[in-house]
Amino acid sequence: MKKYKVLFERIADAADLGTEPLPKEPLVELAGENRVLVENHQGVIQYGCQEICLKVCYGHISISGNHLELARMTKEQLVVTGIIDSVHLCRGRK
């Protein structure tokens, strides 16, 4: 799999797509202070009204705030709404 990642990185560099995520890598979009979109997640690790943790390919993403909830969740993407205080990427396992 690492061989393909290097290939995709080279293709992205050659096509000047450096800001686009590679396949299977997470993409996190913060829309204002009330919405976070996460693509390419691998499931929910922890769910609460003040913190939601999501598994990604190289660790986890922790979203903290108040009145958090999963507004939408599919296999490919997940939307968290509420009052977002922070979005934190932690490499490695939780």
C-alpha atoms as a PDB file:
ATOM      1  CA  MET A   1       0.000   0.000   0.000  1.00  0.00           C
ATOM      2  CA  LYS A   2       2.897   2.366   0.719  1.00  0.00           C
ATOM      3  CA  LYS A   3       4.043   1.966  -2.890  1.00  0.00           C
ATOM      4  CA  TYR A   4       0.655   3.248  -4.099  1.00  0.00           C
ATOM      5  CA  LYS A   5       0.741   6.189  -1.694  1.00  0.00           C
ATOM      6  CA  VAL A   6       4.095   7.304  -3.094  1.00  0.00           C
ATOM      7  CA  LEU A   7       2.715   6.922  -6.624  1.00  0.00           C
ATOM      8  CA  PHE A   8      -0.392   8.995  -5.778  1.00  0.00           C
ATOM      9  CA  GLU A   9       1.815  11.680  -4.174  1.00  0.00           C
ATOM     10  CA  ARG A  10       3.960  11.886  -7.300  1.00  0.00           C
ATOM     11  CA  ILE A  11       0.898  12.129  -9.533  1.00  0.00           C
ATOM     12  CA  ALA A  12      -0.617  14.821  -7.268  1.00  0.00           C
ATOM     13  CA  ASP A  13       2.644  16.789  -7.343  1.00  0.00           C
ATOM     14  CA  ALA A  14       2.888  16.516 -11.120  1.00  0.00           C
ATOM     15  CA  ALA A  15      -0.738  17.620 -11.542  1.00  0.00           C
ATOM     16  CA  ASP A  16      -0.312  20.391  -8.939  1.00  0.00           C
ATOM     17  CA  LEU A  17      -2.963  18.814  -6.687  1.00  0.00           C
ATOM     18  CA  GLY A  18      -0.932  19.110  -3.499  1.00  0.00           C
ATOM     19  CA  THR A  19      -3.875  20.325  -1.429  1.00  0.00           C
ATOM     20  CA  GLU A  20      -6.193  17.502  -2.454  1.00  0.00           C
ATOM     21  CA  PRO A  21      -6.283  14.477  -0.128  1.00  0.00           C
ATOM     22  CA  LEU A  22      -4.979  11.165  -1.338  1.00  0.00           C
ATOM     23  CA  PRO A  23      -7.406   8.229  -1.532  1.00  0.00           C
ATOM     24  CA  LYS A  24      -8.362   6.870   1.916  1.00  0.00           C
ATOM     25  CA  GLU A  25      -6.759   9.846   3.728  1.00  0.00           C
ATOM     26  CA  PRO A  26      -9.078  11.917   5.918  1.00  0.00           C
ATOM     27  CA  LEU A  27     -10.327  15.314   4.796  1.00  0.00           C
ATOM     28  CA  VAL A  28     -11.609  17.632   7.534  1.00  0.00           C
ATOM     29  CA  GLU A  29     -13.597  20.777   6.729  1.00  0.00           C
ATOM     30  CA  LEU A  30     -14.631  23.271   9.376  1.00  0.00           C
ATOM     31  CA  ALA A  31     -17.668  25.321   8.350  1.00  0.00           C
ATOM     32  CA  GLY A  32     -17.889  28.264  10.710  1.00  0.00           C
ATOM     33  CA  GLU A  33     -18.098  27.395  14.381  1.00  0.00           C
ATOM     34  CA  ASN A  34     -21.041  25.016  14.167  1.00  0.00           C
ATOM     35  CA  ARG A  35     -20.202  22.271  11.658  1.00  0.00           C
ATOM     36  CA  VAL A  36     -17.349  19.848  10.892  1.00  0.00           C
ATOM     37  CA  LEU A  37     -17.299  17.534   7.880  1.00  0.00           C
ATOM     38  CA  VAL A  38     -14.941  14.531   7.956  1.00  0.00           C
ATOM     39  CA  GLU A  39     -14.457  12.378   4.876  1.00  0.00           C
ATOM     40  CA  ASN A  40     -12.737   8.973   4.794  1.00  0.00           C
ATOM     41  CA  HIS A  41     -13.255   8.216   8.487  1.00  0.00           C
ATOM     42  CA  GLN A  42     -13.120   4.658   9.832  1.00  0.00           C
ATOM     43  CA  GLY A  43     -15.798   4.930  12.489  1.00  0.00           C
ATOM     44  CA  VAL A  44     -16.656   6.536  15.792  1.00  0.00           C
ATOM     45  CA  ILE A  45     -14.425   5.768  18.789  1.00  0.00           C
ATOM     46  CA  GLN A  46     -16.160   7.955  21.373  1.00  0.00           C
ATOM     47  CA  TYR A  47     -19.452   9.837  21.265  1.00  0.00           C
ATOM     48  CA  GLY A  48     -20.654  12.439  23.731  1.00  0.00           C
ATOM     49  CA  CYS A  49     -22.202  15.905  23.754  1.00  0.00           C
ATOM     50  CA  GLN A  50     -18.802  17.486  24.551  1.00  0.00           C
ATOM     51  CA  GLU A  51     -16.406  15.277  22.590  1.00  0.00           C
ATOM     52  CA  ILE A  52     -16.578  13.042  19.532  1.00  0.00           C
ATOM     53  CA  CYS A  53     -13.539  10.952  18.518  1.00  0.00           C
ATOM     54  CA  LEU A  54     -13.240   9.436  15.063  1.00  0.00           C
ATOM     55  CA  LYS A  55     -10.831   6.762  13.855  1.00  0.00           C
ATOM     56  CA  VAL A  56      -8.812   7.650  10.761  1.00  0.00           C
ATOM     57  CA  CYS A  57      -6.131   5.725   8.881  1.00  0.00           C
ATOM     58  CA  TYR A  58      -3.197   6.997  10.984  1.00  0.00           C
ATOM     59  CA  GLY A  59      -4.744   7.855  14.353  1.00  0.00           C
ATOM     60  CA  HIS A  60      -7.844   9.672  15.477  1.00  0.00           C
ATOM     61  CA  ILE A  61      -9.571  13.035  15.225  1.00  0.00           C
ATOM     62  CA  SER A  62     -11.042  14.548  18.379  1.00  0.00           C
ATOM     63  CA  ILE A  63     -13.766  17.188  18.042  1.00  0.00           C
ATOM     64  CA  SER A  64     -14.525  19.109  21.253  1.00  0.00           C
ATOM     65  CA  GLY A  65     -17.258  21.592  22.063  1.00  0.00           C
ATOM     66  CA  ASN A  66     -20.793  21.769  23.425  1.00  0.00           C
ATOM     67  CA  HIS A  67     -24.082  20.246  22.260  1.00  0.00           C
ATOM     68  CA  LEU A  68     -22.218  18.066  19.736  1.00  0.00           C
ATOM     69  CA  GLU A  69     -24.130  15.544  17.697  1.00  0.00           C
ATOM     70  CA  LEU A  70     -23.739  13.463  14.571  1.00  0.00           C
ATOM     71  CA  ALA A  71     -25.982  15.208  12.070  1.00  0.00           C
ATOM     72  CA  ARG A  72     -25.171  12.732   9.300  1.00  0.00           C
ATOM     73  CA  MET A  73     -22.996   9.652   8.995  1.00  0.00           C
ATOM     74  CA  THR A  74     -22.335   7.492   5.972  1.00  0.00           C
ATOM     75  CA  LYS A  75     -19.538   5.073   5.181  1.00  0.00           C
ATOM     76  CA  GLU A  76     -17.598   7.859   3.430  1.00  0.00           C
ATOM     77  CA  GLN A  77     -18.405  10.990   5.414  1.00  0.00           C
ATOM     78  CA  LEU A  78     -19.589  12.247   8.750  1.00  0.00           C
ATOM     79  CA  VAL A  79     -20.990  15.634   9.825  1.00  0.00           C
ATOM     80  CA  VAL A  80     -20.727  16.874  13.415  1.00  0.00           C
ATOM     81  CA  THR A  81     -22.807  19.878  14.470  1.00  0.00           C
ATOM     82  CA  GLY A  82     -22.868  21.922  17.662  1.00  0.00           C
ATOM     83  CA  ILE A  83     -20.648  24.605  19.152  1.00  0.00           C
ATOM     84  CA  ILE A  84     -17.181  23.563  17.953  1.00  0.00           C
ATOM     85  CA  ASP A  85     -14.282  24.567  20.233  1.00  0.00           C
ATOM     86  CA  SER A  86     -11.463  22.493  18.716  1.00  0.00           C
ATOM     87  CA  VAL A  87     -10.574  19.848  16.168  1.00  0.00           C
ATOM     88  CA  HIS A  88      -7.448  17.880  17.024  1.00  0.00           C
ATOM     89  CA  LEU A  89      -5.531  15.246  15.059  1.00  0.00           C
ATOM     90  CA  CYS A  90      -3.666  12.625  17.104  1.00  0.00           C
ATOM     91  CA  ARG A  91      -1.296  10.324  15.254  1.00  0.00           C
ATOM     92  CA  GLY A  92      -1.070   6.741  16.457  1.00  0.00           C
ATOM     93  CA  ARG A  93      -3.609   4.669  18.328  1.00  0.00           C
ATOM     94  CA  LYS A  94      -5.832   5.882  21.156  1.00  0.00           C
END
